[in-house]
Amino acid sequence: MAKKTTKKTPSPALKKAANKSGGLAPGAAISKTELGTIRKLLIAKRNELMEIIRKNQDMEPITSEVGDDADQAGQSLEKEMIFEVSDNERNALDQIEGALRKIEKGTYGLCETCQKPIMKERLKALPFARYCIGCQSSSERAILS
């Protein structure tokens, strides 16, 4: 029995970017099958984060004026930690939602800064990556300076 192979065809947006940049970077073309797999992964991660956020909201302590200063300080610290975790999860959720919108629009896999394709290996490691490695590195260097 012959082994079935899937043809790796880049999205129209990736083709357009390839024409601008003179060709796709090695490993940049994402097949429809791979895109479907990434989409399913993003949806699963989104659902997981939404569940964590719901649980954190349910766990929020009831504020009471009962107890000494140490008890109230402990409650305040607990609320702050829950808020911080929720904030991080909400940021991750926003990034995932953005990646899912890009898949729907056909622009998934393009760097938001230079509009060149993001390498497939990077997208597999970080499916909600918004920037290619070069632009991400430049951005991080600018922040650290």
N, C-alpha and C. Protein backbone atom coordinates (compact mmCIF):
# COMPACT_ATOMS: atom_id res chain seq x y z
N MET A 1 0.84 -1.17 0.00
CA MET A 1 0.00 0.00 0.00
C MET A 1 0.89 1.24 0.00
N ALA A 2 0.60 2.18 -0.86
CA ALA A 2 1.41 3.40 -0.99
C ALA A 2 1.16 4.33 0.18
N LYS A 3 2.23 4.97 0.62
CA LYS A 3 2.12 5.91 1.71
C LYS A 3 1.51 7.21 1.20
N LYS A 4 0.50 7.69 1.92
CA LYS A 4 -0.19 8.92 1.52
C LYS A 4 0.63 10.12 2.00
N THR A 5 0.88 11.04 1.11
CA THR A 5 1.61 12.24 1.49
C THR A 5 0.70 13.44 1.34
N THR A 6 0.89 14.39 2.20
CA THR A 6 0.10 15.61 2.10
C THR A 6 0.96 16.68 1.45
N LYS A 7 0.38 17.36 0.53
CA LYS A 7 1.09 18.43 -0.17
C LYS A 7 1.10 19.65 0.72
N LYS A 8 2.29 20.20 0.91
CA LYS A 8 2.42 21.38 1.75
C LYS A 8 2.25 22.63 0.90
N THR A 9 1.07 23.22 1.03
CA THR A 9 0.81 24.46 0.28
C THR A 9 0.62 25.59 1.25
N PRO A 10 1.40 26.64 1.08
CA PRO A 10 1.25 27.78 1.98
C PRO A 10 -0.06 28.52 1.75
N SER A 11 -0.51 29.20 2.78
CA SER A 11 -1.72 29.99 2.66
C SER A 11 -1.50 31.12 1.66
N PRO A 12 -2.56 31.73 1.12
CA PRO A 12 -2.39 32.85 0.18
C PRO A 12 -1.55 33.98 0.77
N ALA A 13 -1.72 34.24 2.06
CA ALA A 13 -0.94 35.32 2.68
C ALA A 13 0.54 34.96 2.70
N LEU A 14 0.84 33.68 2.98
CA LEU A 14 2.25 33.26 2.97
C LEU A 14 2.82 33.31 1.56
N LYS A 15 2.02 32.93 0.56
CA LYS A 15 2.49 33.02 -0.83
C LYS A 15 2.81 34.46 -1.20
N LYS A 16 1.93 35.38 -0.80
CA LYS A 16 2.14 36.79 -1.09
C LYS A 16 3.42 37.29 -0.43
N ALA A 17 3.62 36.90 0.82
CA ALA A 17 4.84 37.31 1.54
C ALA A 17 6.07 36.68 0.89
N ALA A 18 5.93 35.46 0.41
CA ALA A 18 7.06 34.80 -0.23
C ALA A 18 7.46 35.53 -1.50
N ASN A 19 6.46 36.00 -2.25
CA ASN A 19 6.76 36.74 -3.47
C ASN A 19 7.47 38.05 -3.14
N LYS A 20 7.08 38.71 -2.05
CA LYS A 20 7.71 39.96 -1.64
C LYS A 20 9.15 39.72 -1.19
N SER A 21 9.36 38.63 -0.44
CA SER A 21 10.67 38.41 0.16
C SER A 21 11.57 37.55 -0.72
N GLY A 22 11.10 37.12 -1.88
CA GLY A 22 11.93 36.33 -2.78
C GLY A 22 11.87 34.84 -2.50
N GLY A 23 10.97 34.38 -1.68
CA GLY A 23 10.83 32.96 -1.41
C GLY A 23 10.60 32.71 0.07
N LEU A 24 10.00 31.56 0.38
CA LEU A 24 9.73 31.22 1.76
C LEU A 24 11.02 30.86 2.47
N ALA A 25 11.11 31.24 3.71
CA ALA A 25 12.24 30.85 4.53
C ALA A 25 12.18 29.34 4.74
N PRO A 26 13.31 28.68 4.95
CA PRO A 26 13.28 27.23 5.16
C PRO A 26 12.36 26.89 6.32
N GLY A 27 11.50 25.91 6.11
CA GLY A 27 10.59 25.46 7.15
C GLY A 27 9.39 26.37 7.38
N ALA A 28 9.16 27.35 6.51
CA ALA A 28 8.10 28.33 6.75
C ALA A 28 6.74 27.88 6.25
N ALA A 29 6.67 27.06 5.21
CA ALA A 29 5.38 26.68 4.64
C ALA A 29 4.63 25.77 5.60
N ILE A 30 3.38 26.10 5.85
CA ILE A 30 2.54 25.32 6.75
C ILE A 30 1.46 24.65 5.92
N SER A 31 1.38 23.34 6.02
CA SER A 31 0.34 22.63 5.27
C SER A 31 -1.00 22.84 5.94
N LYS A 32 -2.07 22.56 5.20
CA LYS A 32 -3.42 22.68 5.76
C LYS A 32 -3.59 21.73 6.94
N THR A 33 -2.99 20.55 6.84
CA THR A 33 -3.07 19.58 7.93
C THR A 33 -2.39 20.12 9.18
N GLU A 34 -1.19 20.69 9.01
CA GLU A 34 -0.47 21.26 10.14
C GLU A 34 -1.24 22.45 10.74
N LEU A 35 -1.83 23.26 9.87
CA LEU A 35 -2.60 24.41 10.33
C LEU A 35 -3.81 23.93 11.14
N GLY A 36 -4.45 22.87 10.69
CA GLY A 36 -5.57 22.29 11.44
C GLY A 36 -5.14 21.77 12.80
N THR A 37 -3.97 21.15 12.85
CA THR A 37 -3.43 20.64 14.11
C THR A 37 -3.13 21.79 15.06
N ILE A 38 -2.52 22.86 14.54
CA ILE A 38 -2.21 24.02 15.36
C ILE A 38 -3.50 24.66 15.86
N ARG A 39 -4.50 24.74 15.01
CA ARG A 39 -5.80 25.32 15.40
C ARG A 39 -6.42 24.53 16.55
N LYS A 40 -6.40 23.20 16.43
CA LYS A 40 -6.96 22.35 17.49
C LYS A 40 -6.19 22.53 18.80
N LEU A 41 -4.87 22.65 18.70
CA LEU A 41 -4.04 22.87 19.88
C LEU A 41 -4.38 24.20 20.54
N LEU A 42 -4.54 25.24 19.73
CA LEU A 42 -4.89 26.56 20.26
C LEU A 42 -6.26 26.55 20.94
N ILE A 43 -7.22 25.88 20.33
CA ILE A 43 -8.56 25.80 20.92
C ILE A 43 -8.52 25.04 22.24
N ALA A 44 -7.75 23.96 22.30
CA ALA A 44 -7.64 23.19 23.54
C ALA A 44 -6.98 24.03 24.63
N LYS A 45 -5.94 24.76 24.28
CA LYS A 45 -5.26 25.62 25.26
C LYS A 45 -6.19 26.75 25.71
N ARG A 46 -6.96 27.31 24.78
CA ARG A 46 -7.93 28.36 25.13
C ARG A 46 -8.94 27.82 26.13
N ASN A 47 -9.48 26.64 25.86
CA ASN A 47 -10.48 26.05 26.77
C ASN A 47 -9.88 25.78 28.15
N GLU A 48 -8.63 25.32 28.17
CA GLU A 48 -7.94 25.06 29.43
C GLU A 48 -7.76 26.35 30.24
N LEU A 49 -7.33 27.41 29.56
CA LEU A 49 -7.14 28.70 30.24
C LEU A 49 -8.46 29.27 30.75
N MET A 50 -9.51 29.13 29.95
CA MET A 50 -10.82 29.65 30.38
C MET A 50 -11.29 28.91 31.63
N GLU A 51 -11.03 27.63 31.70
CA GLU A 51 -11.40 26.84 32.88
C GLU A 51 -10.60 27.29 34.10
N ILE A 52 -9.32 27.55 33.92
CA ILE A 52 -8.47 28.02 35.03
C ILE A 52 -8.97 29.37 35.52
N ILE A 53 -9.31 30.26 34.60
CA ILE A 53 -9.81 31.58 34.97
C ILE A 53 -11.12 31.45 35.75
N ARG A 54 -12.00 30.57 35.28
CA ARG A 54 -13.28 30.35 35.99
C ARG A 54 -13.04 29.85 37.41
N LYS A 55 -12.11 28.89 37.54
CA LYS A 55 -11.81 28.34 38.87
C LYS A 55 -11.23 29.41 39.78
N ASN A 56 -10.35 30.25 39.23
CA ASN A 56 -9.75 31.32 40.04
C ASN A 56 -10.82 32.30 40.51
N GLN A 57 -11.79 32.58 39.66
CA GLN A 57 -12.86 33.50 40.06
C GLN A 57 -13.73 32.88 41.15
N ASP A 58 -13.94 31.58 41.05
CA ASP A 58 -14.73 30.89 42.06
C ASP A 58 -13.99 30.81 43.40
N MET A 59 -12.65 30.79 43.35
CA MET A 59 -11.84 30.65 44.56
C MET A 59 -11.58 31.98 45.26
N GLU A 60 -11.94 33.09 44.65
CA GLU A 60 -11.65 34.38 45.27
C GLU A 60 -12.21 34.41 46.68
N PRO A 61 -11.36 34.77 47.64
CA PRO A 61 -11.82 34.77 49.03
C PRO A 61 -12.86 35.86 49.27
N ILE A 62 -13.74 35.56 50.18
CA ILE A 62 -14.75 36.54 50.58
C ILE A 62 -14.06 37.52 51.52
N THR A 63 -14.16 38.78 51.19
CA THR A 63 -13.53 39.79 52.01
C THR A 63 -14.31 39.94 53.30
N SER A 64 -13.58 39.85 54.39
CA SER A 64 -14.23 40.06 55.68
C SER A 64 -13.34 40.94 56.53
N GLU A 65 -13.95 41.63 57.39
CA GLU A 65 -13.22 42.51 58.28
C GLU A 65 -12.89 41.78 59.58
N VAL A 66 -13.14 40.48 59.61
CA VAL A 66 -12.89 39.69 60.81
C VAL A 66 -11.43 39.28 60.82
N GLY A 67 -10.83 39.30 61.97
CA GLY A 67 -9.45 38.87 62.13
C GLY A 67 -8.54 40.04 62.42
N ASP A 68 -7.34 39.69 62.79
CA ASP A 68 -6.38 40.74 63.11
C ASP A 68 -5.69 41.24 61.84
N ASP A 69 -4.72 42.12 62.02
CA ASP A 69 -4.02 42.71 60.87
C ASP A 69 -3.31 41.64 60.04
N ALA A 70 -2.76 40.63 60.69
CA ALA A 70 -2.06 39.56 59.97
C ALA A 70 -3.03 38.78 59.09
N ASP A 71 -4.23 38.48 59.61
CA ASP A 71 -5.24 37.77 58.81
C ASP A 71 -5.64 38.58 57.59
N GLN A 72 -5.86 39.87 57.80
CA GLN A 72 -6.27 40.74 56.70
C GLN A 72 -5.15 40.88 55.67
N ALA A 73 -3.90 40.95 56.15
CA ALA A 73 -2.76 41.03 55.23
C ALA A 73 -2.65 39.75 54.41
N GLY A 74 -2.87 38.61 55.05
CA GLY A 74 -2.84 37.32 54.34
C GLY A 74 -3.91 37.24 53.27
N GLN A 75 -5.12 37.72 53.61
CA GLN A 75 -6.21 37.72 52.63
C GLN A 75 -5.89 38.65 51.47
N SER A 76 -5.30 39.79 51.77
CA SER A 76 -4.94 40.75 50.73
C SER A 76 -3.89 40.16 49.80
N LEU A 77 -2.90 39.48 50.36
CA LEU A 77 -1.85 38.85 49.56
C LEU A 77 -2.44 37.75 48.68
N GLU A 78 -3.36 36.97 49.23
CA GLU A 78 -4.00 35.90 48.48
C GLU A 78 -4.78 36.46 47.28
N LYS A 79 -5.53 37.53 47.52
CA LYS A 79 -6.29 38.17 46.44
C LYS A 79 -5.36 38.70 45.35
N GLU A 80 -4.24 39.27 45.76
CA GLU A 80 -3.28 39.82 44.82
C GLU A 80 -2.68 38.71 43.96
N MET A 81 -2.36 37.57 44.58
CA MET A 81 -1.79 36.44 43.84
C MET A 81 -2.80 35.89 42.83
N ILE A 82 -4.05 35.77 43.24
CA ILE A 82 -5.10 35.29 42.33
C ILE A 82 -5.25 36.25 41.15
N PHE A 83 -5.22 37.55 41.43
CA PHE A 83 -5.34 38.54 40.37
C PHE A 83 -4.17 38.42 39.39
N GLU A 84 -2.95 38.25 39.91
CA GLU A 84 -1.76 38.15 39.06
C GLU A 84 -1.84 36.92 38.15
N VAL A 85 -2.23 35.79 38.71
CA VAL A 85 -2.36 34.57 37.92
C VAL A 85 -3.43 34.77 36.85
N SER A 86 -4.56 35.35 37.24
CA SER A 86 -5.63 35.60 36.27
C SER A 86 -5.16 36.53 35.16
N ASP A 87 -4.40 37.55 35.51
CA ASP A 87 -3.90 38.50 34.53
C ASP A 87 -2.99 37.81 33.52
N ASN A 88 -2.10 36.96 34.00
CA ASN A 88 -1.20 36.21 33.09
C ASN A 88 -2.01 35.30 32.18
N GLU A 89 -3.00 34.62 32.73
CA GLU A 89 -3.82 33.74 31.92
C GLU A 89 -4.65 34.52 30.91
N ARG A 90 -5.14 35.66 31.30
CA ARG A 90 -5.92 36.50 30.37
C ARG A 90 -5.04 36.98 29.22
N ASN A 91 -3.78 37.34 29.51
CA ASN A 91 -2.86 37.74 28.45
C ASN A 91 -2.59 36.59 27.48
N ALA A 92 -2.37 35.39 28.02
CA ALA A 92 -2.16 34.22 27.17
C ALA A 92 -3.41 33.94 26.34
N LEU A 93 -4.57 34.09 26.95
CA LEU A 93 -5.84 33.89 26.25
C LEU A 93 -5.99 34.88 25.10
N ASP A 94 -5.62 36.13 25.33
CA ASP A 94 -5.67 37.14 24.26
C ASP A 94 -4.76 36.76 23.10
N GLN A 95 -3.57 36.27 23.41
CA GLN A 95 -2.64 35.87 22.35
C GLN A 95 -3.19 34.69 21.55
N ILE A 96 -3.79 33.74 22.24
CA ILE A 96 -4.38 32.58 21.56
C ILE A 96 -5.54 33.02 20.68
N GLU A 97 -6.40 33.89 21.21
CA GLU A 97 -7.53 34.39 20.41
C GLU A 97 -7.02 35.10 19.16
N GLY A 98 -5.96 35.87 19.30
CA GLY A 98 -5.37 36.56 18.15
C GLY A 98 -4.87 35.58 17.10
N ALA A 99 -4.23 34.52 17.53
CA ALA A 99 -3.73 33.50 16.60
C ALA A 99 -4.89 32.82 15.88
N LEU A 100 -5.97 32.52 16.61
CA LEU A 100 -7.14 31.89 15.98
C LEU A 100 -7.78 32.83 14.95
N ARG A 101 -7.84 34.13 15.25
CA ARG A 101 -8.38 35.10 14.28
C ARG A 101 -7.51 35.13 13.03
N LYS A 102 -6.19 35.07 13.20
CA LYS A 102 -5.28 35.07 12.05
C LYS A 102 -5.49 33.84 11.18
N ILE A 103 -5.73 32.70 11.81
CA ILE A 103 -6.00 31.48 11.03
C ILE A 103 -7.24 31.69 10.18
N GLU A 104 -8.29 32.25 10.79
CA GLU A 104 -9.54 32.49 10.06
C GLU A 104 -9.34 33.48 8.91
N LYS A 105 -8.51 34.51 9.13
CA LYS A 105 -8.28 35.54 8.11
C LYS A 105 -7.26 35.09 7.05
N GLY A 106 -6.53 34.00 7.33
CA GLY A 106 -5.53 33.54 6.38
C GLY A 106 -4.19 34.25 6.51
N THR A 107 -3.96 34.92 7.65
CA THR A 107 -2.70 35.63 7.85
C THR A 107 -1.83 34.97 8.91
N TYR A 108 -2.23 33.80 9.38
CA TYR A 108 -1.46 33.10 10.39
C TYR A 108 -0.08 32.74 9.84
N GLY A 109 0.93 32.95 10.65
CA GLY A 109 2.29 32.59 10.25
C GLY A 109 3.09 33.74 9.69
N LEU A 110 2.49 34.93 9.64
CA LEU A 110 3.22 36.11 9.17
C LEU A 110 3.60 36.99 10.35
N CYS A 111 4.84 37.47 10.34
CA CYS A 111 5.32 38.36 11.39
C CYS A 111 4.53 39.67 11.34
N GLU A 112 4.09 40.15 12.48
CA GLU A 112 3.32 41.39 12.54
C GLU A 112 4.18 42.62 12.24
N THR A 113 5.49 42.50 12.38
CA THR A 113 6.37 43.64 12.14
C THR A 113 6.84 43.70 10.69
N CYS A 114 7.46 42.63 10.21
CA CYS A 114 8.08 42.66 8.88
C CYS A 114 7.23 41.99 7.80
N GLN A 115 6.15 41.32 8.19
CA GLN A 115 5.23 40.63 7.28
C GLN A 115 5.87 39.45 6.55
N LYS A 116 7.03 38.99 7.02
CA LYS A 116 7.66 37.80 6.44
C LYS A 116 7.16 36.57 7.20
N PRO A 117 7.23 35.41 6.55
CA PRO A 117 6.76 34.19 7.22
C PRO A 117 7.58 33.87 8.47
N ILE A 118 6.90 33.42 9.50
CA ILE A 118 7.54 32.93 10.72
C ILE A 118 7.88 31.46 10.47
N MET A 119 9.06 31.06 10.87
CA MET A 119 9.47 29.67 10.62
C MET A 119 8.51 28.68 11.28
N LYS A 120 8.25 27.61 10.57
CA LYS A 120 7.31 26.60 11.03
C LYS A 120 7.73 26.03 12.38
N GLU A 121 9.00 25.83 12.58
CA GLU A 121 9.49 25.28 13.85
C GLU A 121 9.13 26.20 15.01
N ARG A 122 9.21 27.50 14.79
CA ARG A 122 8.85 28.47 15.85
C ARG A 122 7.35 28.40 16.14
N LEU A 123 6.54 28.29 15.09
CA LEU A 123 5.10 28.22 15.28
C LEU A 123 4.69 26.93 15.99
N LYS A 124 5.40 25.86 15.73
CA LYS A 124 5.09 24.61 16.42
C LYS A 124 5.45 24.70 17.89
N ALA A 125 6.55 25.40 18.20
CA ALA A 125 6.96 25.56 19.60
C ALA A 125 6.11 26.58 20.33
N LEU A 126 5.72 27.65 19.63
CA LEU A 126 4.93 28.74 20.22
C LEU A 126 3.84 29.10 19.22
N PRO A 127 2.73 28.34 19.23
CA PRO A 127 1.72 28.51 18.18
C PRO A 127 1.06 29.87 18.12
N PHE A 128 1.20 30.68 19.16
CA PHE A 128 0.62 32.02 19.11
C PHE A 128 1.70 33.09 18.92
N ALA A 129 2.85 32.68 18.37
CA ALA A 129 3.93 33.64 18.10
C ALA A 129 3.43 34.71 17.14
N ARG A 130 3.75 35.96 17.45
CA ARG A 130 3.30 37.08 16.62
C ARG A 130 4.42 37.61 15.75
N TYR A 131 5.66 37.29 16.11
CA TYR A 131 6.81 37.86 15.41
C TYR A 131 7.81 36.77 15.03
N CYS A 132 8.54 37.01 13.95
CA CYS A 132 9.63 36.12 13.58
C CYS A 132 10.74 36.27 14.63
N ILE A 133 11.70 35.38 14.62
CA ILE A 133 12.75 35.42 15.64
C ILE A 133 13.54 36.73 15.57
N GLY A 134 13.84 37.20 14.37
CA GLY A 134 14.60 38.44 14.22
C GLY A 134 13.89 39.64 14.84
N CYS A 135 12.61 39.81 14.53
CA CYS A 135 11.85 40.94 15.07
C CYS A 135 11.62 40.79 16.57
N GLN A 136 11.40 39.57 17.05
CA GLN A 136 11.23 39.33 18.48
C GLN A 136 12.51 39.69 19.23
N SER A 137 13.65 39.28 18.69
CA SER A 137 14.94 39.58 19.33
C SER A 137 15.19 41.08 19.36
N SER A 138 14.90 41.75 18.26
CA SER A 138 15.08 43.21 18.21
C SER A 138 14.21 43.90 19.25
N SER A 139 12.98 43.44 19.38
CA SER A 139 12.05 44.02 20.34
C SER A 139 12.56 43.82 21.76
N GLU A 140 13.04 42.62 22.07
CA GLU A 140 13.54 42.34 23.42
C GLU A 140 14.80 43.13 23.73
N ARG A 141 15.68 43.29 22.73
CA ARG A 141 16.90 44.08 22.94
C ARG A 141 16.53 45.54 23.22
N ALA A 142 15.53 46.06 22.52
CA ALA A 142 15.10 47.45 22.71
C ALA A 142 14.54 47.65 24.11
N ILE A 143 13.82 46.66 24.62
CA ILE A 143 13.24 46.75 25.97
C ILE A 143 14.34 46.72 27.02
N LEU A 144 15.36 45.89 26.80
CA LEU A 144 16.44 45.76 27.77
C LEU A 144 17.40 46.94 27.76
N SER A 145 17.40 47.70 26.70
CA SER A 145 18.33 48.84 26.59
C SER A 145 17.88 50.02 27.39
